[in-house]
C-alpha atoms as a PDB file:
ATOM      1  CA  MET A   1       1.498   5.106  49.242  1.00  0.00           C
ATOM      2  CA  ARG A   2      -1.692   5.673  47.567  1.00  0.00           C
ATOM      3  CA  SER A   3      -0.750   8.757  46.748  1.00  0.00           C
ATOM      4  CA  ILE A   4       2.702   8.103  45.286  1.00  0.00           C
ATOM      5  CA  LEU A   5       0.890   5.432  42.841  1.00  0.00           C
ATOM      6  CA  MET A   6      -1.500   8.238  41.715  1.00  0.00           C
ATOM      7  CA  ALA A   7       0.973  10.459  40.941  1.00  0.00           C
ATOM      8  CA  LEU A   8       3.048   7.895  38.825  1.00  0.00           C
ATOM      9  CA  ALA A   9      -0.118   7.026  37.104  1.00  0.00           C
ATOM     10  CA  LEU A  10      -0.515  10.711  36.355  1.00  0.00           C
ATOM     11  CA  VAL A  11       2.851  11.022  35.182  1.00  0.00           C
ATOM     12  CA  ILE A  12       2.762   7.919  32.987  1.00  0.00           C
ATOM     13  CA  GLY A  13      -0.838   9.413  31.626  1.00  0.00           C
ATOM     14  CA  PHE A  14       0.626  12.533  30.816  1.00  0.00           C
ATOM     15  CA  GLY A  15       3.732  11.105  29.434  1.00  0.00           C
ATOM     16  CA  TYR A  16       1.702   8.801  27.093  1.00  0.00           C
ATOM     17  CA  MET A  17      -0.420  11.589  25.838  1.00  0.00           C
ATOM     18  CA  ALA A  18       2.661  13.895  25.015  1.00  0.00           C
ATOM     19  CA  ASN A  19       3.859  10.911  22.754  1.00  0.00           C
ATOM     20  CA  ALA A  20       0.620  10.106  21.212  1.00  0.00           C
ATOM     21  CA  GLU A  21       0.431  13.757  20.152  1.00  0.00           C
ATOM     22  CA  GLU A  22       0.567  13.798  15.903  1.00  0.00           C
ATOM     23  CA  ILE A  23       3.477  14.814  13.989  1.00  0.00           C
ATOM     24  CA  LYS A  24       2.667  17.516  11.891  1.00  0.00           C
ATOM     25  CA  SER A  25       4.771  18.121   8.740  1.00  0.00           C
ATOM     26  CA  GLY A  26       4.276  20.153   5.606  1.00  0.00           C
ATOM     27  CA  PRO A  27       1.767  22.619   4.333  1.00  0.00           C
ATOM     28  CA  THR A  28      -1.721  21.718   4.985  1.00  0.00           C
ATOM     29  CA  GLU A  29      -4.045  23.868   2.636  1.00  0.00           C
ATOM     30  CA  LYS A  30      -2.012  24.796  -0.644  1.00  0.00           C
ATOM     31  CA  ILE A  31       1.289  23.230  -1.603  1.00  0.00           C
ATOM     32  CA  ALA A  32       4.426  25.427  -1.076  1.00  0.00           C
ATOM     33  CA  GLY A  33       4.929  25.527  -5.002  1.00  0.00           C
ATOM     34  CA  ALA A  34       7.982  24.410  -7.087  1.00  0.00           C
ATOM     35  CA  PHE A  35      11.227  22.515  -6.141  1.00  0.00           C
ATOM     36  CA  ASN A  36      13.733  20.623  -8.141  1.00  0.00           C
ATOM     37  CA  VAL A  37      14.525  16.901  -7.850  1.00  0.00           C
ATOM     38  CA  LYS A  38      16.790  14.060  -9.449  1.00  0.00           C
ATOM     39  CA  ALA A  39      14.941  10.988 -10.768  1.00  0.00           C
ATOM     40  CA  PHE A  40      16.487   7.889 -10.248  1.00  0.00           C
ATOM     41  CA  THR A  41      13.655   5.729 -11.879  1.00  0.00           C
ATOM     42  CA  GLY A  42      10.609   6.671 -13.950  1.00  0.00           C
ATOM     43  CA  GLU A  43      10.498   8.336 -17.623  1.00  0.00           C
ATOM     44  CA  LYS A  44      12.425  11.313 -16.637  1.00  0.00           C
ATOM     45  CA  LYS A  45      15.611   9.071 -14.927  1.00  0.00           C
ATOM     46  CA  GLY A  46      18.627  10.802 -14.826  1.00  0.00           C
ATOM     47  CA  ASP A  47      16.725  14.328 -15.034  1.00  0.00           C
ATOM     48  CA  GLU A  48      16.731  16.829 -12.803  1.00  0.00           C
ATOM     49  CA  LEU A  49      13.214  18.508 -12.895  1.00  0.00           C
ATOM     50  CA  CYS A  50      10.101  19.928 -10.599  1.00  0.00           C
ATOM     51  CA  TYR A  51       7.579  17.274 -10.959  1.00  0.00           C
ATOM     52  CA  VAL A  52       5.229  19.665  -9.295  1.00  0.00           C
ATOM     53  CA  CYS A  53       5.397  21.792 -12.348  1.00  0.00           C
ATOM     54  CA  LYS A  54       5.628  18.444 -14.289  1.00  0.00           C
ATOM     55  CA  PHE A  55       2.181  17.347 -12.988  1.00  0.00           C
ATOM     56  CA  GLY A  56       1.014  21.195 -13.148  1.00  0.00           C
ATOM     57  CA  GLY A  57       1.502  21.357 -16.797  1.00  0.00           C
ATOM     58  CA  GLU A  58      -0.062  18.576 -17.490  1.00  0.00           C
ATOM     59  CA  ALA A  59      -3.115  19.513 -15.681  1.00  0.00           C
ATOM     60  CA  ARG A  60      -3.306  16.518 -13.265  1.00  0.00           C
ATOM     61  CA  PRO A  61      -6.427  16.245 -11.838  1.00  0.00           C
ATOM     62  CA  ALA A  62      -4.722  15.057  -8.272  1.00  0.00           C
ATOM     63  CA  VAL A  63      -1.003  14.253  -7.176  1.00  0.00           C
ATOM     64  CA  VAL A  64       0.466  12.235  -4.316  1.00  0.00           C
ATOM     65  CA  LEU A  65       3.899  13.736  -3.123  1.00  0.00           C
ATOM     66  CA  ILE A  66       5.945  11.166  -0.473  1.00  0.00           C
ATOM     67  CA  PHE A  67       8.512  12.597   1.151  1.00  0.00           C
ATOM     68  CA  THR A  68      10.821  10.112   3.258  1.00  0.00           C
ATOM     69  CA  GLN A  69      14.171   9.984   5.118  1.00  0.00           C
ATOM     70  CA  LYS A  70      14.391   6.516   4.467  1.00  0.00           C
ATOM     71  CA  ALA A  71      14.129   3.886   2.190  1.00  0.00           C
ATOM     72  CA  ASP A  72      13.222   0.488   3.244  1.00  0.00           C
ATOM     73  CA  ASP A  73      10.568  -2.212   2.735  1.00  0.00           C
ATOM     74  CA  ASN A  74       7.836  -0.321   4.730  1.00  0.00           C
ATOM     75  CA  LEU A  75       8.109   2.865   2.381  1.00  0.00           C
ATOM     76  CA  VAL A  76       7.677   0.101  -0.483  1.00  0.00           C
ATOM     77  CA  LYS A  77       4.275  -1.212   0.836  1.00  0.00           C
ATOM     78  CA  LEU A  78       3.074   2.544   1.136  1.00  0.00           C
ATOM     79  CA  VAL A  79       3.929   3.508  -2.610  1.00  0.00           C
ATOM     80  CA  LYS A  80       2.548  -0.034  -3.860  1.00  0.00           C
ATOM     81  CA  SER A  81      -0.532   1.132  -2.484  1.00  0.00           C
ATOM     82  CA  ILE A  82      -0.327   4.343  -4.664  1.00  0.00           C
ATOM     83  CA  ASP A  83       0.960   2.454  -7.712  1.00  0.00           C
ATOM     84  CA  ALA A  84      -2.235   0.528  -7.580  1.00  0.00           C
ATOM     85  CA  VAL A  85      -4.375   3.601  -8.054  1.00  0.00           C
ATOM     86  CA  GLN A  86      -1.927   4.623 -10.272  1.00  0.00           C
ATOM     87  CA  LYS A  87      -2.647   1.885 -12.305  1.00  0.00           C
ATOM     88  CA  THR A  88      -6.106   2.641 -12.593  1.00  0.00           C
ATOM     89  CA  ASN A  89      -6.039   5.990 -13.127  1.00  0.00           C
ATOM     90  CA  GLU A  90      -2.802   7.558 -15.209  1.00  0.00           C
ATOM     91  CA  LYS A  91      -4.001  10.834 -14.845  1.00  0.00           C
ATOM     92  CA  LEU A  92      -2.758  10.668 -10.734  1.00  0.00           C
ATOM     93  CA  GLY A  93       0.608  12.202 -10.702  1.00  0.00           C
ATOM     94  CA  THR A  94       3.087  10.218  -7.980  1.00  0.00           C
ATOM     95  CA  VAL A  95       6.265  10.738  -6.888  1.00  0.00           C
ATOM     96  CA  VAL A  96       8.701   9.506  -4.130  1.00  0.00           C
ATOM     97  CA  VAL A  97      10.754  12.471  -2.732  1.00  0.00           C
ATOM     98  CA  GLY A  98      14.269  11.373  -0.574  1.00  0.00           C
ATOM     99  CA  VAL A  99      15.213  13.753   1.897  1.00  0.00           C
ATOM    100  CA  GLY A 100      17.602  13.665   4.798  1.00  0.00           C
ATOM    101  CA  GLY A 101      20.012  11.650   3.777  1.00  0.00           C
ATOM    102  CA  VAL A 102      18.504   9.304   1.451  1.00  0.00           C
ATOM    103  CA  GLU A 103      20.390   8.359  -2.035  1.00  0.00           C
ATOM    104  CA  GLY A 104      19.792   7.664  -5.418  1.00  0.00           C
ATOM    105  CA  ALA A 105      21.236   4.283  -4.560  1.00  0.00           C
ATOM    106  CA  ASP A 106      18.745   3.548  -2.077  1.00  0.00           C
ATOM    107  CA  LEU A 107      15.990   4.438  -4.600  1.00  0.00           C
ATOM    108  CA  GLU A 108      17.644   2.571  -7.389  1.00  0.00           C
ATOM    109  CA  LYS A 109      17.782  -0.909  -5.020  1.00  0.00           C
ATOM    110  CA  LEU A 110      13.941  -0.721  -4.275  1.00  0.00           C
ATOM    111  CA  GLN A 111      13.472  -0.183  -7.608  1.00  0.00           C
ATOM    112  CA  SER A 112      15.487  -3.033  -8.905  1.00  0.00           C
ATOM    113  CA  GLU A 113      13.654  -5.306  -5.860  1.00  0.00           C
ATOM    114  CA  HIS A 114      10.388  -3.702  -6.417  1.00  0.00           C
ATOM    115  CA  LYS A 115       9.635  -2.390  -9.986  1.00  0.00           C
ATOM    116  CA  LEU A 116       7.704   0.444  -8.697  1.00  0.00           C
ATOM    117  CA  THR A 117       5.614   2.608 -11.384  1.00  0.00           C
ATOM    118  CA  THR A 118       5.856   5.656  -9.055  1.00  0.00           C
ATOM    119  CA  ALA A 119       8.802   7.859  -9.673  1.00  0.00           C
ATOM    120  CA  LEU A 120      11.682   7.556  -7.178  1.00  0.00           C
ATOM    121  CA  THR A 121      13.421  11.081  -6.866  1.00  0.00           C
ATOM    122  CA  VAL A 122      15.742  12.836  -4.794  1.00  0.00           C
ATOM    123  CA  ALA A 123      15.061  16.496  -3.858  1.00  0.00           C
ATOM    124  CA  SER A 124      18.143  18.826  -4.846  1.00  0.00           C
ATOM    125  CA  ASP A 125      18.225  20.527  -1.138  1.00  0.00           C
ATOM    126  CA  LYS A 126      19.133  17.404   0.691  1.00  0.00           C
ATOM    127  CA  ASP A 127      16.612  18.653   3.711  1.00  0.00           C
ATOM    128  CA  GLY A 128      13.971  18.977   1.118  1.00  0.00           C
ATOM    129  CA  PRO A 129      12.040  22.203  -0.212  1.00  0.00           C
ATOM    130  CA  LYS A 130      12.399  24.926   2.578  1.00  0.00           C
ATOM    131  CA  ALA A 131       9.125  26.216   1.503  1.00  0.00           C
ATOM    132  CA  TYR A 132       7.441  22.734   2.377  1.00  0.00           C
ATOM    133  CA  LYS A 133       8.465  23.306   5.792  1.00  0.00           C
ATOM    134  CA  LEU A 134       8.892  19.322   6.590  1.00  0.00           C
ATOM    135  CA  ASN A 135       9.418  18.222  10.213  1.00  0.00           C
ATOM    136  CA  LYS A 136      12.426  16.484  10.788  1.00  0.00           C
ATOM    137  CA  ASP A 137      10.523  14.635  13.480  1.00  0.00           C
ATOM    138  CA  ALA A 138       8.612  13.119  10.241  1.00  0.00           C
ATOM    139  CA  VAL A 139      10.331  10.244   8.505  1.00  0.00           C
ATOM    140  CA  VAL A 140       7.430  10.285   5.694  1.00  0.00           C
ATOM    141  CA  THR A 141       5.274  13.256   5.007  1.00  0.00           C
ATOM    142  CA  VAL A 142       2.635  12.526   2.327  1.00  0.00           C
ATOM    143  CA  LEU A 143       0.773  15.209   0.408  1.00  0.00           C
ATOM    144  CA  VAL A 144      -2.481  14.504  -1.740  1.00  0.00           C
ATOM    145  CA  TYR A 145      -3.488  17.309  -3.685  1.00  0.00           C
ATOM    146  CA  LYS A 146      -5.760  18.400  -6.318  1.00  0.00           C
ATOM    147  CA  LYS A 147      -5.190  19.903  -9.437  1.00  0.00           C
ATOM    148  CA  GLY A 148      -4.454  23.878  -8.622  1.00  0.00           C
ATOM    149  CA  GLY A 149      -2.452  22.772  -5.390  1.00  0.00           C
ATOM    150  CA  THR A 150      -5.011  22.445  -2.630  1.00  0.00           C
ATOM    151  CA  ILE A 151      -4.212  20.031  -0.065  1.00  0.00           C
ATOM    152  CA  ILE A 152      -7.027  17.657   0.158  1.00  0.00           C
ATOM    153  CA  LYS A 153      -4.762  15.305   2.906  1.00  0.00           C
ATOM    154  CA  ASN A 154      -1.731  15.873   4.984  1.00  0.00           C
ATOM    155  CA  TYR A 155       0.154  12.666   6.720  1.00  0.00           C
ATOM    156  CA  ALA A 156       3.075  12.819   8.836  1.00  0.00           C
ATOM    157  CA  PHE A 157       4.652   9.832  10.392  1.00  0.00           C
ATOM    158  CA  ALA A 158       7.617   9.400  12.814  1.00  0.00           C
ATOM    159  CA  SER A 159       8.554   6.074  10.787  1.00  0.00           C
ATOM    160  CA  THR A 160       8.070   4.219   7.616  1.00  0.00           C
ATOM    161  CA  LYS A 161       6.070   1.530   9.543  1.00  0.00           C
ATOM    162  CA  GLU A 162       3.753   3.827  10.640  1.00  0.00           C
ATOM    163  CA  ALA A 163       3.429   5.003   7.225  1.00  0.00           C
ATOM    164  CA  ALA A 164       3.045   1.583   5.970  1.00  0.00           C
ATOM    165  CA  ALA A 165       0.438   0.886   8.253  1.00  0.00           C
ATOM    166  CA  LYS A 166      -1.836   3.743   6.387  1.00  0.00           C
ATOM    167  CA  ALA A 167      -1.156   2.545   3.022  1.00  0.00           C
ATOM    168  CA  GLU A 168      -4.510   1.849   2.291  1.00  0.00           C
ATOM    169  CA  GLU A 169      -5.909   5.266   3.818  1.00  0.00           C
ATOM    170  CA  ILE A 170      -3.692   6.963   1.420  1.00  0.00           C
ATOM    171  CA  ALA A 171      -4.529   5.357  -1.501  1.00  0.00           C
ATOM    172  CA  LYS A 172      -8.279   6.067  -0.423  1.00  0.00           C
ATOM    173  CA  SER A 173      -7.245   9.586  -0.099  1.00  0.00           C
ATOM    174  CA  ALA A 174      -5.620   9.729  -3.657  1.00  0.00           C
ATOM    175  CA  LYS A 175      -8.674   8.153  -5.236  1.00  0.00           C
ATOM    176  CA  SER A 176     -10.882  10.438  -3.310  1.00  0.00           C
ATOM    177  CA  ALA A 177      -8.600  13.402  -4.575  1.00  0.00           C
ATOM    178  CA  LEU A 178      -9.460  11.942  -8.333  1.00  0.00           C
ATOM    179  CA  GLU A 179     -13.423  12.745  -7.798  1.00  0.00           C
END
């Protein structure tokens, strides 16, 4: 009986460690280049454009790219934390990129309910830009990068709830990217 309990404890322990493993998604050293989106909110609403190009052309000192497969209130919490940083430093570039089935109507609904500052967009390629190698298991991938494309922080989350729980940490990363 004792050996069965020990074996069971080992199996449970290894199973927990496997589940606790971090999700990896997207580039970790340098952004993977230009890609097009359709803007559903913000000053470019209705346009198809490349925000990476726009922010680069404007020589923004830092950018936060949020790729999401889900548009819900947890995503709003994350975006509002980034909006707070952007409102005190308008040079920060911020954009949400819907992928994997997020529709423009989903984003327009969030905007009408929450009045977000960050532009809400949908990637031209449904699964996101291929060069970014987004993990389908990562419901949210956040890239914080400096002018020139050097990534200072890469976050990947299995749910928008997990992303919302790290909203303040992500906002701090955005602030530090501006320094």
